[in-house]
Amino acid sequence: MEDKYNNTGGLWKRKARETDEPGKQYPDYDGRMTVDGKMKKVSAWVNSNKENENQPDINFRISEPQAKQWQSK
C-alpha cells in the first residue's frame, strides 16, 4: 500500500530559541517532509531584501534529520 504522505511535507514558522547565537541567521521556517519513504528536514528563508527580480522569494534546504530531533516521545 502506498503511503499517502510520501513526497509531501510541511513548514512551520520558526520561533527564536534561547540557544540561538546573536548575529547568526536562522531559517524563517522549519519543517519536515517524506521523500521516497525517508524523512527529511526542511529549512526555508524568506528573501525580504531582494535586490533584483531574478532572486527567488524563498530559499530552502533539504537535509537529513538529526537523530535526536525526530525521536518519538
C-alpha atoms as a PDB file:
ATOM      1  CA  MET A   1       0.000   0.000   0.000  1.00  0.00           C
ATOM      2  CA  GLU A   2       1.322   3.424  -0.937  1.00  0.00           C
ATOM      3  CA  ASP A   3       1.900   5.953   1.850  1.00  0.00           C
ATOM      4  CA  LYS A   4      -0.420   8.917   1.224  1.00  0.00           C
ATOM      5  CA  TYR A   5       2.138  11.277   2.804  1.00  0.00           C
ATOM      6  CA  ASN A   6       5.070  10.192   0.622  1.00  0.00           C
ATOM      7  CA  ASN A   7       6.705  13.126  -1.207  1.00  0.00           C
ATOM      8  CA  THR A   8       4.849  15.662   0.954  1.00  0.00           C
ATOM      9  CA  GLY A   9       5.819  17.865   3.870  1.00  0.00           C
ATOM     10  CA  GLY A  10       5.010  20.872   5.999  1.00  0.00           C
ATOM     11  CA  LEU A  11       6.699  24.038   7.256  1.00  0.00           C
ATOM     12  CA  TRP A  12       6.108  25.963  10.463  1.00  0.00           C
ATOM     13  CA  LYS A  13       7.187  29.480  11.413  1.00  0.00           C
ATOM     14  CA  ARG A  14      10.364  29.153  13.472  1.00  0.00           C
ATOM     15  CA  LYS A  15      10.399  30.797  16.896  1.00  0.00           C
ATOM     16  CA  ALA A  16      13.592  32.200  18.398  1.00  0.00           C
ATOM     17  CA  ARG A  17      15.298  29.853  20.863  1.00  0.00           C
ATOM     18  CA  GLU A  18      17.419  30.541  23.933  1.00  0.00           C
ATOM     19  CA  THR A  19      20.289  28.674  22.267  1.00  0.00           C
ATOM     20  CA  ASP A  20      20.301  30.956  19.180  1.00  0.00           C
ATOM     21  CA  GLU A  21      23.615  32.743  18.700  1.00  0.00           C
ATOM     22  CA  PRO A  22      23.431  36.552  18.304  1.00  0.00           C
ATOM     23  CA  GLY A  23      24.145  37.710  14.754  1.00  0.00           C
ATOM     24  CA  LYS A  24      23.660  34.264  13.218  1.00  0.00           C
ATOM     25  CA  GLN A  25      20.930  33.881  10.605  1.00  0.00           C
ATOM     26  CA  TYR A  26      18.382  31.156  11.258  1.00  0.00           C
ATOM     27  CA  PRO A  27      15.662  29.887   8.913  1.00  0.00           C
ATOM     28  CA  ASP A  28      12.302  31.654   8.939  1.00  0.00           C
ATOM     29  CA  TYR A  29      10.551  28.272   8.656  1.00  0.00           C
ATOM     30  CA  ASP A  30      11.414  24.724   9.756  1.00  0.00           C
ATOM     31  CA  GLY A  31       9.671  21.506   8.933  1.00  0.00           C
ATOM     32  CA  ARG A  32       9.965  18.026   7.590  1.00  0.00           C
ATOM     33  CA  MET A  33       8.993  16.071   4.553  1.00  0.00           C
ATOM     34  CA  THR A  34       8.948  12.491   3.355  1.00  0.00           C
ATOM     35  CA  VAL A  35      10.835  11.792   0.122  1.00  0.00           C
ATOM     36  CA  ASP A  36      10.664   8.262  -1.283  1.00  0.00           C
ATOM     37  CA  GLY A  37       9.662   6.994   2.161  1.00  0.00           C
ATOM     38  CA  LYS A  38      12.532   8.706   4.026  1.00  0.00           C
ATOM     39  CA  MET A  39      12.084  11.574   6.494  1.00  0.00           C
ATOM     40  CA  LYS A  40      13.993  14.775   5.613  1.00  0.00           C
ATOM     41  CA  LYS A  41      14.417  18.079   7.425  1.00  0.00           C
ATOM     42  CA  VAL A  42      13.413  21.262   5.556  1.00  0.00           C
ATOM     43  CA  SER A  43      14.562  24.804   6.371  1.00  0.00           C
ATOM     44  CA  ALA A  44      13.363  27.889   4.482  1.00  0.00           C
ATOM     45  CA  TRP A  45      14.391  31.537   4.396  1.00  0.00           C
ATOM     46  CA  VAL A  46      12.148  34.323   3.086  1.00  0.00           C
ATOM     47  CA  ASN A  47      14.090  36.743   0.891  1.00  0.00           C
ATOM     48  CA  SER A  48      12.795  40.113   2.099  1.00  0.00           C
ATOM     49  CA  ASN A  49      15.768  42.102   0.749  1.00  0.00           C
ATOM     50  CA  LYS A  50      15.536  41.316  -2.952  1.00  0.00           C
ATOM     51  CA  GLU A  51      17.977  43.393  -4.963  1.00  0.00           C
ATOM     52  CA  ASN A  52      16.633  42.304  -8.355  1.00  0.00           C
ATOM     53  CA  GLU A  53      13.720  40.366  -9.824  1.00  0.00           C
ATOM     54  CA  ASN A  54      15.887  37.323 -10.625  1.00  0.00           C
ATOM     55  CA  GLN A  55      16.326  36.454  -6.940  1.00  0.00           C
ATOM     56  CA  PRO A  56      13.966  33.847  -5.502  1.00  0.00           C
ATOM     57  CA  ASP A  57      11.295  34.830  -2.971  1.00  0.00           C
ATOM     58  CA  ILE A  58      12.095  31.810  -0.784  1.00  0.00           C
ATOM     59  CA  ASN A  59      15.284  29.763  -0.457  1.00  0.00           C
ATOM     60  CA  PHE A  60      15.189  26.314   1.116  1.00  0.00           C
ATOM     61  CA  ARG A  61      17.422  23.428   2.108  1.00  0.00           C
ATOM     62  CA  ILE A  62      16.571  19.748   2.468  1.00  0.00           C
ATOM     63  CA  SER A  63      18.833  17.725   4.756  1.00  0.00           C
ATOM     64  CA  GLU A  64      18.979  14.538   6.779  1.00  0.00           C
ATOM     65  CA  PRO A  65      17.260  14.965  10.160  1.00  0.00           C
ATOM     66  CA  GLN A  66      19.375  14.866  13.296  1.00  0.00           C
ATOM     67  CA  ALA A  67      18.729  11.708  15.305  1.00  0.00           C
ATOM     68  CA  LYS A  68      17.578  13.436  18.499  1.00  0.00           C
ATOM     69  CA  GLN A  69      15.399  15.963  16.667  1.00  0.00           C
ATOM     70  CA  TRP A  70      12.863  13.491  15.261  1.00  0.00           C
ATOM     71  CA  GLN A  71      12.747  10.881  18.015  1.00  0.00           C
ATOM     72  CA  SER A  72       9.273   9.908  19.195  1.00  0.00           C
ATOM     73  CA  LYS A  73       8.416  10.808  22.768  1.00  0.00           C
END
